[in-house]
């Protein structure tokens, strides 16, 4: 969490934001794409579909 350790954007309220750090809308599809494809400062993560679904559902609880 960027507010604690400087390791990236904070994830609390991710789905309630107007935009993701990438500038995209905070939809499940866009968050999946960001996790799988990475970004300028984030490597891509190739997770099995079940783990990706679990991670996205967890992020929705923050």
Foldseek 3Di string as FASTA:
>chain_A
DCVPDNPDDDLVCQQVDCADPVRHHSDLVVVLCCQQPPDDPGHHDDDDPVVSVVVSVVSVVD
